[in-house]
Protein backbone atom coordinates (compact mmCIF):
# COMPACT_ATOMS: atom_id res chain seq x y z
CA UNK A 1 0.00 0.00 0.00
CA UNK A 2 1.00 3.62 -0.41
CA UNK A 3 2.69 4.97 2.68
CA UNK A 4 2.76 8.76 2.67
CA UNK A 5 5.56 10.54 4.41
CA UNK A 6 5.58 12.23 7.78
CA UNK A 7 5.03 15.97 7.73
CA UNK A 8 7.25 16.31 10.80
CA UNK A 9 4.96 17.02 13.72
CA UNK A 10 5.33 20.41 15.31
CA UNK A 11 5.60 18.85 18.77
CA UNK A 12 8.64 16.78 17.82
CA UNK A 13 10.45 19.72 16.27
CA UNK A 14 9.54 22.21 19.02
CA UNK A 15 8.32 24.53 16.31
CA UNK A 16 7.01 28.01 17.01
CA UNK A 17 5.39 30.41 14.61
CA UNK A 18 4.35 34.05 14.75
CA UNK A 19 0.97 34.89 13.23
CA UNK A 20 1.02 32.04 10.72
CA UNK A 21 -2.02 29.83 11.01
CA UNK A 22 -1.58 27.48 8.11
CA UNK A 23 -0.26 23.99 7.62
CA UNK A 24 -0.39 23.48 3.88
CA UNK A 25 -1.88 20.58 1.95
CA UNK A 26 -0.07 20.39 -1.39
CA UNK A 27 0.88 24.05 -1.18
CA UNK A 28 -2.54 25.36 -0.08
CA UNK A 29 -3.61 26.52 3.41
CA UNK A 30 -5.32 24.28 5.90
CA UNK A 31 -6.27 25.08 9.48
CA UNK A 32 -3.73 24.50 12.22
CA UNK A 33 -0.60 26.19 13.51
CA UNK A 34 3.04 25.36 13.05
CA UNK A 35 6.37 27.14 12.92
CA UNK A 36 10.11 26.94 12.92
CA UNK A 37 12.29 28.96 15.30
CA UNK A 38 14.33 31.52 13.38
CA UNK A 39 11.79 31.15 10.54
CA UNK A 40 8.88 33.47 11.34
CA UNK A 41 5.72 33.92 9.31
CA UNK A 42 3.24 36.75 9.05
CA UNK A 43 1.29 36.01 5.92
CA UNK A 44 -1.54 38.37 5.08
CA UNK A 45 -1.96 36.88 1.62
CA UNK A 46 -0.36 34.18 -0.46
CA UNK A 47 1.57 35.13 -3.60
CA UNK A 48 -0.42 35.18 -6.81
CA UNK A 49 0.87 31.80 -8.12
CA UNK A 50 -0.28 30.10 -4.91
CA UNK A 51 -3.53 32.05 -4.82
CA UNK A 52 -4.27 30.80 -8.28
CA UNK A 53 -3.21 27.25 -7.51
CA UNK A 54 -5.11 27.07 -4.23
CA UNK A 55 -8.26 28.20 -5.98
CA UNK A 56 -8.32 25.03 -8.07
CA UNK A 57 -10.61 22.18 -7.17
CA UNK A 58 -9.02 19.16 -5.51
CA UNK A 59 -11.83 16.80 -6.46
CA UNK A 60 -11.75 16.55 -10.26
CA UNK A 61 -10.90 12.85 -10.19
CA UNK A 62 -13.69 10.61 -9.01
CA UNK A 63 -14.84 13.55 -6.86
CA UNK A 64 -16.24 12.42 -3.49
CA UNK A 65 -14.56 9.03 -3.35
CA UNK A 66 -11.07 10.26 -4.07
CA UNK A 67 -11.51 13.43 -2.03
CA UNK A 68 -12.17 11.18 0.96
CA UNK A 69 -9.15 9.05 0.13
CA UNK A 70 -6.97 12.15 -0.11
CA UNK A 71 -8.21 13.29 3.31
CA UNK A 72 -7.22 9.94 4.77
CA UNK A 73 -3.77 10.22 3.21
CA UNK A 74 -3.24 13.68 4.67
CA UNK A 75 -4.28 12.43 8.09
CA UNK A 76 -1.83 9.55 7.87
CA UNK A 77 0.92 11.95 6.89
CA UNK A 78 0.80 13.45 10.35
CA UNK A 79 1.81 10.19 11.99
CA UNK A 80 3.59 8.00 9.43
CA UNK A 81 7.34 7.57 9.80
CA UNK A 82 9.42 9.20 7.12
CA UNK A 83 12.01 6.53 6.54
CA UNK A 84 13.76 8.53 3.85
CA UNK A 85 14.43 11.55 6.06
CA UNK A 86 15.52 9.32 8.91
CA UNK A 87 17.90 7.44 6.63
CA UNK A 88 21.58 8.15 6.41
CA UNK A 89 21.84 11.41 4.44
CA UNK A 90 25.03 11.94 2.40
CA UNK A 91 27.29 14.55 3.94
CA UNK A 92 29.03 17.34 2.10
CA UNK A 93 32.30 15.44 2.20
CA UNK A 94 30.66 12.61 0.25
CA UNK A 95 29.69 14.95 -2.56
CA UNK A 96 32.06 15.58 -5.42
CA UNK A 97 33.11 19.19 -5.93
CA UNK A 98 34.33 18.51 -9.48
CA UNK A 99 30.96 18.17 -11.16
CA UNK A 100 29.82 20.05 -14.25
CA UNK A 101 26.15 20.88 -13.85
CA UNK A 102 23.80 19.63 -16.55
CA UNK A 103 21.88 22.82 -17.26
CA UNK A 104 19.01 21.97 -19.60
CA UNK A 105 19.84 18.66 -21.19
CA UNK A 106 20.59 20.10 -24.65
CA UNK A 107 22.32 17.67 -26.94
CA UNK A 108 21.17 14.54 -25.10
CA UNK A 109 19.19 11.96 -26.99
CA UNK A 110 15.52 11.93 -26.09
CA UNK A 111 15.62 15.21 -24.19
CA UNK A 112 13.39 18.11 -25.23
CA UNK A 113 15.58 21.14 -25.87
CA UNK A 114 14.61 24.47 -24.35
CA UNK A 115 13.93 25.97 -27.74
CA UNK A 116 13.98 29.68 -28.56
CA UNK A 117 10.28 29.91 -29.27
CA UNK A 118 7.48 32.06 -27.99
CA UNK A 119 5.03 31.00 -25.34
CA UNK A 120 2.18 30.78 -27.84
CA UNK A 121 4.08 28.33 -30.05
CA UNK A 122 4.45 25.68 -27.34
CA UNK A 123 1.67 23.10 -27.37
CA UNK A 124 1.69 21.55 -23.92
CA UNK A 125 0.10 18.37 -25.29
CA UNK A 126 2.82 17.98 -27.93
CA UNK A 127 6.30 17.56 -26.42
CA UNK A 128 7.94 18.04 -29.81
CA UNK A 129 7.02 21.75 -29.75
CA UNK A 130 9.30 22.42 -26.79
CA UNK A 131 8.46 23.09 -23.17
CA UNK A 132 7.11 26.10 -21.30
CA UNK A 133 6.36 27.05 -17.71
CA UNK A 134 2.73 27.61 -18.68
CA UNK A 135 2.29 23.88 -19.12
CA UNK A 136 2.11 23.11 -15.40
CA UNK A 137 -1.03 25.19 -15.06
CA UNK A 138 -2.51 24.32 -18.45
CA UNK A 139 -2.22 20.59 -17.77
CA UNK A 140 -3.46 21.03 -14.17
CA UNK A 141 -0.50 19.03 -12.95
CA UNK A 142 -0.93 19.79 -9.24
CA UNK A 143 -4.29 18.02 -9.24
CA UNK A 144 -2.89 15.33 -11.51
CA UNK A 145 -0.06 14.57 -9.05
CA UNK A 146 -2.51 14.50 -6.13
CA UNK A 147 -4.64 11.95 -7.98
CA UNK A 148 -1.58 9.92 -8.97
CA UNK A 149 -0.68 9.57 -5.29
CA UNK A 150 -4.14 8.17 -4.52
CA UNK A 151 -4.03 5.67 -7.38
CA UNK A 152 -0.54 4.22 -6.90
CA UNK A 153 1.21 2.05 -4.33
CA UNK A 154 4.78 2.70 -3.24
CA UNK A 155 7.22 0.77 -1.12
CA UNK A 156 7.05 1.49 2.58
CA UNK A 157 10.41 3.28 2.78
CA UNK A 158 10.24 4.86 -0.67
CA UNK A 159 10.10 8.60 -1.17
CA UNK A 160 7.84 10.31 -3.68
CA UNK A 161 10.42 11.04 -6.39
CA UNK A 162 11.89 7.53 -6.49
CA UNK A 163 8.42 5.96 -6.34
CA UNK A 164 7.17 8.14 -9.17
CA UNK A 165 10.21 7.75 -11.43
CA UNK A 166 10.23 3.97 -10.90
CA UNK A 167 6.57 3.53 -11.71
CA UNK A 168 6.40 5.80 -14.76
CA UNK A 169 9.41 4.27 -16.47
CA UNK A 170 12.64 5.96 -15.35
CA UNK A 171 13.88 3.76 -12.47
CA UNK A 172 17.48 4.52 -13.41
CA UNK A 173 17.17 8.17 -12.34
CA UNK A 174 18.12 8.85 -8.71
CA UNK A 175 16.98 12.28 -7.52
CA UNK A 176 16.60 11.41 -3.84
CA UNK A 177 19.37 13.84 -2.86
CA UNK A 178 21.95 16.11 -4.48
CA UNK A 179 23.31 13.49 -6.85
CA UNK A 180 23.97 15.53 -9.96
CA UNK A 181 25.33 12.75 -12.21
CA UNK A 182 22.49 10.39 -11.25
CA UNK A 183 19.61 12.89 -11.52
CA UNK A 184 19.39 13.84 -15.19
CA UNK A 185 16.55 15.01 -17.47
CA UNK A 186 14.12 12.19 -18.25
CA UNK A 187 14.32 11.07 -21.89
CA UNK A 188 11.07 11.22 -23.86
CA UNK A 189 9.53 7.86 -24.64
CA UNK A 190 7.43 6.94 -27.63
CA UNK A 191 3.81 8.10 -27.32
CA UNK A 192 4.79 9.88 -24.10
CA UNK A 193 2.00 11.26 -21.94
CA UNK A 194 3.16 14.89 -21.50
CA UNK A 195 1.84 15.02 -17.92
CA UNK A 196 4.03 12.09 -16.89
CA UNK A 197 7.08 13.67 -18.51
CA UNK A 198 6.54 17.19 -17.13
CA UNK A 199 6.27 15.95 -13.54
CA UNK A 200 9.45 13.90 -13.99
CA UNK A 201 11.22 16.92 -15.47
CA UNK A 202 10.16 19.05 -12.52
CA UNK A 203 11.69 16.48 -10.16
CA UNK A 204 14.95 16.83 -12.09
CA UNK A 205 14.77 20.65 -12.35
CA UNK A 206 14.10 21.24 -8.65
CA UNK A 207 16.92 18.88 -7.75
CA UNK A 208 19.19 20.66 -10.24
CA UNK A 209 18.40 24.07 -8.72
CA UNK A 210 19.50 22.95 -5.28
CA UNK A 211 22.51 21.27 -6.85
CA UNK A 212 23.65 24.58 -8.34
CA UNK A 213 23.15 26.22 -4.96
CA UNK A 214 25.17 23.47 -3.28
CA UNK A 215 28.00 24.00 -5.75
CA UNK A 216 27.89 27.79 -5.37
CA UNK A 217 28.26 27.50 -1.60
CA UNK A 218 31.15 25.07 -1.95
CA UNK A 219 32.83 27.19 -4.59
CA UNK A 220 32.70 30.21 -2.30
CA UNK A 221 34.65 28.59 0.55
CA UNK A 222 38.08 29.97 -0.36
CA UNK A 223 36.66 33.43 -1.07
CA UNK A 224 34.84 33.42 2.27
CA UNK A 225 38.13 32.65 4.05
CA UNK A 226 39.87 35.45 2.15
CA UNK A 227 37.08 37.88 3.04
CA UNK A 228 37.36 37.02 6.72
CA UNK A 229 41.10 37.67 6.63
CA UNK A 230 40.70 41.03 4.87
CA UNK A 231 37.81 42.19 7.06
CA UNK A 232 39.73 41.36 10.22
CA UNK A 233 42.71 43.35 8.92
CA UNK A 234 40.46 46.32 8.11
CA UNK A 235 38.57 46.46 11.41
CA UNK A 236 41.06 44.74 13.74
CA UNK A 237 38.56 43.39 16.29
CA UNK A 238 39.66 41.66 19.51
CA UNK A 239 40.60 38.02 18.91
CA UNK A 240 37.96 36.87 21.37
CA UNK A 241 35.09 38.54 19.50
CA UNK A 242 32.34 35.90 19.49
CA UNK A 243 30.17 34.90 16.55
CA UNK A 244 27.06 32.73 16.94
CA UNK A 245 27.37 29.49 14.99
CA UNK A 246 23.72 29.38 13.86
CA UNK A 247 23.97 32.99 12.67
CA UNK A 248 27.04 32.10 10.59
CA UNK A 249 25.26 29.13 9.04
CA UNK A 250 22.25 31.23 8.04
CA UNK A 251 24.53 33.94 6.62
CA UNK A 252 26.53 31.36 4.65
CA UNK A 253 23.33 30.03 3.12
CA UNK A 254 23.73 32.99 0.80
CA UNK A 255 20.75 33.88 -1.32
CA UNK A 256 18.20 33.69 1.51
CA UNK A 257 20.04 36.20 3.61
CA UNK A 258 20.26 39.10 1.19
CA UNK A 259 16.88 40.69 1.92
CA UNK A 260 17.48 43.92 3.84
CA UNK A 261 14.96 43.65 6.60
CA UNK A 262 11.61 45.44 6.56
CA UNK A 263 10.03 44.51 3.27
CA UNK A 264 12.26 46.68 1.10
CA UNK A 265 12.45 45.66 -2.53
CA UNK A 266 14.99 42.86 -2.67
CA UNK A 267 15.42 43.28 -6.40
CA UNK A 268 16.45 46.93 -6.07
CA UNK A 269 18.97 46.06 -3.38
CA UNK A 270 20.42 43.27 -5.52
CA UNK A 271 20.58 45.55 -8.54
CA UNK A 272 22.73 47.93 -6.49
CA UNK A 273 24.91 45.09 -5.23
CA UNK A 274 25.49 43.67 -8.70
CA UNK A 275 24.71 46.64 -10.92
CA UNK A 276 27.46 45.67 -13.34
CA UNK A 277 26.00 42.18 -13.72
CA UNK A 278 22.28 42.49 -14.33
CA UNK A 279 21.95 38.82 -15.31
CA UNK A 280 23.37 37.85 -11.94
CA UNK A 281 20.93 40.14 -10.14
CA UNK A 282 17.99 38.70 -12.09
CA UNK A 283 19.08 35.14 -11.34
CA UNK A 284 19.45 35.84 -7.62
CA UNK A 285 16.05 37.53 -7.45
CA UNK A 286 14.44 34.64 -9.33
CA UNK A 287 16.03 32.06 -7.06
CA UNK A 288 14.86 33.94 -3.99
CA UNK A 289 11.29 34.00 -5.35
CA UNK A 290 11.27 30.23 -5.95
CA UNK A 291 12.22 29.47 -2.38
CA UNK A 292 10.15 32.11 -0.58
CA UNK A 293 7.00 31.03 -2.46
CA UNK A 294 7.69 27.39 -1.54
CA UNK A 295 8.24 28.24 2.14
CA UNK A 296 5.07 30.32 2.25
CA UNK A 297 3.27 27.36 0.68
CA UNK A 298 4.85 24.80 3.01
CA UNK A 299 6.84 26.29 5.90
CA UNK A 300 8.47 23.02 6.97
CA UNK A 301 10.79 23.32 3.99
CA UNK A 302 12.80 25.89 5.94
CA UNK A 303 13.62 23.62 8.87
CA UNK A 304 17.05 22.65 7.47
CA UNK A 305 17.80 25.89 5.64
CA UNK A 306 17.55 27.91 8.86
CA UNK A 307 19.35 25.87 11.54
CA UNK A 308 18.57 26.32 15.21
CA UNK A 309 20.07 25.09 18.44
CA UNK A 310 23.20 23.71 16.82
CA UNK A 311 24.86 21.28 19.25
CA UNK A 312 28.46 21.35 20.42
CA UNK A 313 30.31 24.64 19.86
CA UNK A 314 27.59 27.31 19.57
CA UNK A 315 30.10 30.17 19.58
CA UNK A 316 33.06 30.73 17.25
CA UNK A 317 35.72 33.31 18.03
CA UNK A 318 36.78 35.55 15.17
CA UNK A 319 40.41 34.42 15.50
CA UNK A 320 39.32 30.81 14.82
CA UNK A 321 36.72 31.48 12.14
CA UNK A 322 39.00 31.14 9.12
CA UNK A 323 40.20 27.72 10.26
CA UNK A 324 36.65 26.52 10.88
CA UNK A 325 35.11 27.76 7.63
CA UNK A 326 35.63 24.48 5.81
CA UNK A 327 33.52 22.62 8.33
CA UNK A 328 30.88 25.37 8.37
CA UNK A 329 30.61 25.29 4.57
CA UNK A 330 30.19 21.53 4.77
CA UNK A 331 27.38 21.97 7.30
CA UNK A 332 25.56 24.40 5.01
CA UNK A 333 25.92 22.00 2.09
CA UNK A 334 24.68 19.18 4.27
CA UNK A 335 21.61 21.25 5.19
CA UNK A 336 20.93 21.92 1.50
CA UNK A 337 21.14 18.20 0.81
CA UNK A 338 18.77 17.42 3.69
CA UNK A 339 16.33 19.90 2.16
CA UNK A 340 16.51 18.15 -1.21
CA UNK A 341 16.04 14.73 0.41
CA UNK A 342 12.94 16.05 2.16
CA UNK A 343 11.50 17.81 -0.92
CA UNK A 344 12.06 14.75 -3.10
CA UNK A 345 10.48 12.42 -0.50
CA UNK A 346 7.41 14.43 0.47
CA UNK A 347 4.87 15.16 -2.29
CA UNK A 348 3.59 18.22 -0.44
CA UNK A 349 7.04 19.79 -0.34
CA UNK A 350 7.64 18.85 -3.98
CA UNK A 351 4.39 20.53 -5.01
CA UNK A 352 5.25 23.63 -2.99
CA UNK A 353 8.00 24.16 -5.56
CA UNK A 354 6.52 22.58 -8.69
CA UNK A 355 3.08 24.20 -8.41
CA UNK A 356 4.67 27.61 -8.98
CA UNK A 357 5.24 26.57 -12.58
CA UNK A 358 8.83 27.82 -12.62
CA UNK A 359 10.61 24.50 -13.17
CA UNK A 360 8.91 23.31 -16.35
CA UNK A 361 10.69 25.23 -19.12
CA UNK A 362 14.24 24.79 -17.81
CA UNK A 363 16.24 23.84 -14.74
CA UNK A 364 16.99 27.12 -12.93
CA UNK A 365 20.40 27.54 -11.34
CA UNK A 366 22.21 30.09 -9.21
CA UNK A 367 24.90 32.17 -10.95
CA UNK A 368 28.57 31.45 -10.47
CA UNK A 369 29.07 34.67 -8.54
CA UNK A 370 30.23 33.66 -5.08
CA UNK A 371 31.11 37.22 -4.03
CA UNK A 372 27.48 38.30 -4.21
CA UNK A 373 26.26 35.15 -2.49
CA UNK A 374 28.68 35.99 0.33
CA UNK A 375 27.31 39.50 0.93
CA UNK A 376 25.13 38.22 3.78
CA UNK A 377 28.05 36.41 5.39
CA UNK A 378 30.31 39.45 4.98
CA UNK A 379 27.70 41.73 6.55
CA UNK A 380 27.38 39.56 9.61
CA UNK A 381 31.17 39.36 10.05
CA UNK A 382 31.71 43.12 9.50
CA UNK A 383 28.96 44.19 11.90
CA UNK A 384 30.09 41.74 14.60
CA UNK A 385 33.69 42.94 14.30
CA UNK A 386 32.57 46.57 14.62
CA UNK A 387 30.54 45.75 17.73
CA UNK A 388 33.60 43.98 19.13
CA UNK A 389 35.49 47.28 18.76
CA UNK A 390 32.81 49.23 20.65
CA UNK A 391 31.57 50.83 17.42
CA UNK A 392 27.89 51.65 17.02
CA UNK A 393 25.81 52.82 14.10
CA UNK A 394 24.13 56.23 14.21
CA UNK A 395 21.16 57.70 12.37
CA UNK A 396 20.06 61.27 11.74
CA UNK A 397 16.38 60.78 11.00
CA UNK A 398 14.95 62.63 7.99
CA UNK A 399 18.34 64.21 7.28
CA UNK A 400 20.23 64.28 4.00
CA UNK A 401 23.73 65.36 4.95
CA UNK A 402 24.69 66.24 1.39
CA UNK A 403 21.75 68.65 1.16
CA UNK A 404 22.71 70.02 4.57
CA UNK A 405 26.14 70.89 3.21
CA UNK A 406 25.08 72.32 -0.16
CA UNK A 407 21.54 73.71 -0.16
CA UNK A 408 22.28 77.05 1.48
CA UNK A 409 21.89 75.96 5.07
CA UNK A 410 25.69 75.85 5.27
CA UNK A 411 25.51 79.49 6.37
CA UNK A 412 23.55 78.42 9.44
CA UNK A 413 25.91 75.56 10.26
CA UNK A 414 28.21 75.77 13.23
CA UNK A 415 31.40 77.64 12.31
CA UNK A 416 33.67 74.99 13.80
CA UNK A 417 31.79 72.12 12.18
CA UNK A 418 33.15 71.60 8.70
CA UNK A 419 31.28 69.26 6.35
CA UNK A 420 32.17 71.20 3.21
CA UNK A 421 33.70 68.07 1.66
CA UNK A 422 30.23 66.51 1.51
CA UNK A 423 29.28 68.13 -1.79
CA UNK A 424 28.09 64.91 -3.41
CA UNK A 425 27.72 61.21 -2.83
CA UNK A 426 30.13 58.62 -4.16
CA UNK A 427 28.97 55.63 -6.20
CA UNK A 428 28.47 53.86 -2.86
CA UNK A 429 26.24 56.70 -1.56
CA UNK A 430 28.95 57.80 0.88
CA UNK A 431 30.12 61.34 1.57
CA UNK A 432 32.61 62.26 4.27
CA UNK A 433 31.79 59.95 7.21
CA UNK A 434 28.19 59.18 6.27
CA UNK A 435 26.02 56.90 4.16
CA UNK A 436 22.60 58.08 2.99
CA UNK A 437 19.63 55.71 3.00
CA UNK A 438 17.00 56.31 0.38
CA UNK A 439 14.78 53.74 2.10
CA UNK A 440 14.64 55.77 5.31
CA UNK A 441 15.52 59.22 3.89
CA UNK A 442 18.06 59.38 6.71
CA UNK A 443 21.83 59.57 7.17
CA UNK A 444 23.74 56.76 8.85
CA UNK A 445 27.26 56.72 10.24
CA UNK A 446 29.56 54.87 12.63
CA UNK A 447 30.68 56.06 16.04
CA UNK A 448 33.58 54.71 18.12
CA UNK A 449 32.64 55.12 21.77
CA UNK A 450 36.27 55.10 22.89
CA UNK A 451 37.55 57.45 20.16
CA UNK A 452 34.78 59.88 19.21
CA UNK A 453 36.99 61.82 16.79
CA UNK A 454 37.55 58.79 14.57
CA UNK A 455 36.08 59.05 11.06
CA UNK A 456 34.84 56.04 9.09
CA UNK A 457 34.35 57.38 5.57
CA UNK A 458 37.25 55.43 4.04
CA UNK A 459 36.16 52.22 5.75
CA UNK A 460 32.59 52.59 4.48
CA UNK A 461 33.81 53.15 0.92
CA UNK A 462 36.00 50.04 1.10
CA UNK A 463 33.46 47.64 2.58
CA UNK A 464 30.67 48.82 0.25
CA UNK A 465 32.91 48.40 -2.77
CA UNK A 466 34.02 44.88 -1.89
CA UNK A 467 31.94 43.13 0.75
CA UNK A 468 28.43 44.41 1.45
CA UNK A 469 25.96 47.26 0.86
CA UNK A 470 24.66 50.14 2.94
CA UNK A 471 21.21 48.54 2.89
CA UNK A 472 22.54 45.36 4.44
CA UNK A 473 24.80 47.00 7.02
CA UNK A 474 22.65 49.96 8.10
CA UNK A 475 19.06 49.50 6.91
CA UNK A 476 19.01 45.90 8.08
CA UNK A 477 20.39 46.85 11.50
CA UNK A 478 17.93 49.74 11.87
CA UNK A 479 15.01 47.46 11.02
CA UNK A 480 16.25 44.97 13.60
CA UNK A 481 16.56 47.72 16.23
CA UNK A 482 13.15 49.24 15.44
CA UNK A 483 11.49 45.87 15.92
CA UNK A 484 13.08 45.51 19.35
CA UNK A 485 15.41 42.72 18.24
CA UNK A 486 18.83 44.27 18.78
CA UNK A 487 21.15 41.70 20.34
CA UNK A 488 18.97 38.80 19.23
CA UNK A 489 19.93 36.06 16.76
CA UNK A 490 19.58 36.35 13.00
CA UNK A 491 15.96 35.57 12.10
CA UNK A 492 14.37 34.89 8.73
CA UNK A 493 10.87 36.29 8.30
CA UNK A 494 8.40 35.25 5.62
CA UNK A 495 5.43 37.49 4.91
CA UNK A 496 3.21 38.38 2.01
CA UNK A 497 5.85 40.96 1.10
CA UNK A 498 8.49 38.27 0.72
CA UNK A 499 11.49 36.80 2.50
CA UNK A 500 13.52 39.02 4.83
CA UNK A 501 16.48 38.40 7.09
CA UNK A 502 16.27 40.32 10.36
CA UNK A 503 19.36 41.22 12.40
CA UNK A 504 21.84 40.01 9.80
CA UNK A 505 23.68 43.21 10.71
CA UNK A 506 24.42 43.09 14.42
CA UNK A 507 25.02 46.85 14.79
CA UNK A 508 23.18 48.82 17.42
CA UNK A 509 21.77 51.94 15.77
CA UNK A 510 21.61 55.03 17.99
CA UNK A 511 19.49 58.05 17.06
CA UNK A 512 20.91 61.57 17.41
CA UNK A 513 18.74 63.30 19.99
CA UNK A 514 17.09 66.44 18.55
CA UNK A 515 15.18 67.40 21.69
CA UNK A 516 17.89 69.73 23.08
CA UNK A 517 18.25 72.20 20.22
CA UNK A 518 20.43 75.22 21.00
CA UNK A 519 21.40 74.02 24.47
CA UNK A 520 24.79 72.65 25.52
CA UNK A 521 23.54 69.60 27.37
CA UNK A 522 26.28 67.00 27.87
CA UNK A 523 23.65 64.31 28.47
CA UNK A 524 21.66 64.93 25.30
CA UNK A 525 23.46 62.92 22.65
CA UNK A 526 21.47 59.77 21.80
CA UNK A 527 17.83 58.82 22.24
CA UNK A 528 18.54 55.21 23.16
CA UNK A 529 21.78 55.45 25.19
CA UNK A 530 23.70 57.59 27.61
CA UNK A 531 26.06 60.21 26.20
CA UNK A 532 29.75 59.48 25.78
CA UNK A 533 32.10 60.89 28.41
CA UNK A 534 33.79 63.26 25.95
CA UNK A 535 30.58 64.59 24.41
CA UNK A 536 30.56 68.44 24.46
CA UNK A 537 33.62 68.50 26.66
CA UNK A 538 36.47 70.94 26.03
CA UNK A 539 38.59 69.93 23.08
CA UNK A 540 41.91 70.67 24.74
CA UNK A 541 44.34 73.48 25.42
CA UNK A 542 44.41 77.10 24.32
CA UNK A 543 45.89 76.01 20.99
CA UNK A 544 42.54 74.51 20.11
CA UNK A 545 40.73 77.82 20.57
CA UNK A 546 39.87 80.22 17.79
CA UNK A 547 41.45 83.65 17.33
CA UNK A 548 38.55 85.06 19.35
CA UNK A 549 39.61 82.76 22.19
CA UNK A 550 36.30 80.94 22.04
CA UNK A 551 36.34 77.37 23.35
CA UNK A 552 35.71 74.40 21.10
CA UNK A 553 33.48 71.59 22.28
CA UNK A 554 34.07 67.98 21.24
CA UNK A 555 31.44 66.04 19.31
CA UNK A 556 31.78 62.71 17.49
CA UNK A 557 33.25 62.80 14.00
CA UNK A 558 29.88 61.77 12.54
CA UNK A 559 27.76 64.01 14.76
CA UNK A 560 24.50 65.23 13.17
CA UNK A 561 22.61 66.38 16.25
CA UNK A 562 20.79 69.73 16.69
CA UNK A 563 23.90 71.73 17.67
CA UNK A 564 25.09 71.46 14.05
CA UNK A 565 22.58 74.19 13.21
CA UNK A 566 23.49 76.74 15.89
CA UNK A 567 26.36 79.22 16.15
CA UNK A 568 26.55 79.87 19.88
CA UNK A 569 28.81 76.90 20.71
CA UNK A 570 31.76 76.11 18.48
CA UNK A 571 32.05 72.40 17.78
CA UNK A 572 34.98 70.25 16.79
CA UNK A 573 34.57 66.81 15.15
CA UNK A 574 38.32 66.14 14.59
């Protein structure tokens, strides 16, 4: 008899969820509550592909009889043992790193090429006309797969993909994990039912997508080690600066961690990060959409991608990180493989991907651009190193420092406070010691609590050119702080707006206090923290005074508080 696969009971996984009241049956909402720590949901509405899919009838095949059978299968899924997931999963060290990915199967006998033809020219009932993503919906393949499950018997310990491929005529294909040479496009047989072939191709294409991701993570190992070395040299944090192991693993996952935090457009941020490689940006955005739609449709998919409560060493010191990266990369690859094993075994998880219709025309893959996939990892490392040096982020709300320096208000600026060099923003949106956020219409900077005269303009230029973006370092941190999550672990949030990574940047963002305008108040520096000891203190001996023998008062190099716009007290930021 058919033995469906366990959906992984929430009780066993100690799963929590915020405001997500949906366990999904084949990608569509059912009643109930489930969640995964670190993976939080707040879904006001499903994406359009899932809305469309979930509106389809599930009882087109033998109606009442089979609808009842399907209900029984779903009920059994809650308790049946998933032998495939419990089985010995290949580790990253068992996977070959010298594999050339099979992209679309062109040139192989019996494989339909991804022809350069228009959507209208593809006849989904005629495989010789090519293939198109529209065919999943046109052939109603989600319902077809659901009915196939009811009508067929699989071995007790057999996962969905192996059961399906064996029974429909391709037993030689092994797509049960990331096994790139063994999971290839299914050849077309004589008088082939296109529905049978398209489902088999989707099994291959989904597996291939994760395979490209697996390879991208592995290929980025040496670059990640080099980045750590360079970042440590730039920032010079204490050797005992601690990094949380689970945070590192999420950051190393790459594509999931690039969303900046509060529903900002991920595509725009990626365009900025890879503006010289638009194809790369498009590929990253597309890959992100595939996965976020699947997780919204079936949240359990994220249980391996977002690790929690990692045993053994939960903290890594920055001085040891480079030496441990190989093992951490292997862990991330192992988690990707576990995800594939689960998706290939469980028909619900498979349909969470396939029902989007994005895996029918071709096998998507991540670009070979490890530097961009490492932006999340770099951001976490940079922000943690800065925190280790007692450096905080600052924000001047609703302030554009470049306009402050050039729009005529310079005449009202403090005479001792020179920002005349901020006449325009660089390609990284930096001027002087500041970075301007278009998302918040505010100016961010860095402040060293032990050395308030230290400027960070050169550092910001360097890290934004090579390792991260202002959106990831500052906007992400500000979103984390605004939500009351400063100091908490990295958390991935899925909502109707998309997939976001909260607290990837570990910076605390302090707001310049504007409530003490025109008054020299040594306690009125930040809204969220006490003032620094040197704030508005005397800046030294008589040699620091002006020709009028007026005292200068010390403010941080990146100060943008209210005293900038007064002329009674002379300020010094150097």
